[in-house]
């Protein structure tokens, strides 16, 4: 059963790649398509960050949670505003969340 799922996913990825390659260049060169292609990864990443920071799963489904992860995201945002390098931003976010969880064990 697992091999069926693996092979189905492999075929689906191949068909998706083939579909992308078969799009005519005239369509890809349109300004609207270029703009969407530039902004789509940013929107998807922002949605992923929002779900990972603000949602917590449980037996009753997902619900909104405000905890140390949100404070870490805020600290990362401030570090980005200060033009810190990427590794510094990640360290600041992780350290902020860790210190808050250390100070408030229930968080």
Foldseek 3Di string as FASTA:
>chain_A
DVVVVVVVVVVVVVVVVVVVVPDDVVVCPDPVNVVCVVCVVVVVVVVVLCCVQFWDQDPVGIDGDHALQVVLVVQLVVCVVVVHDPVVSNVSSVVSSVVRCVVPVVD
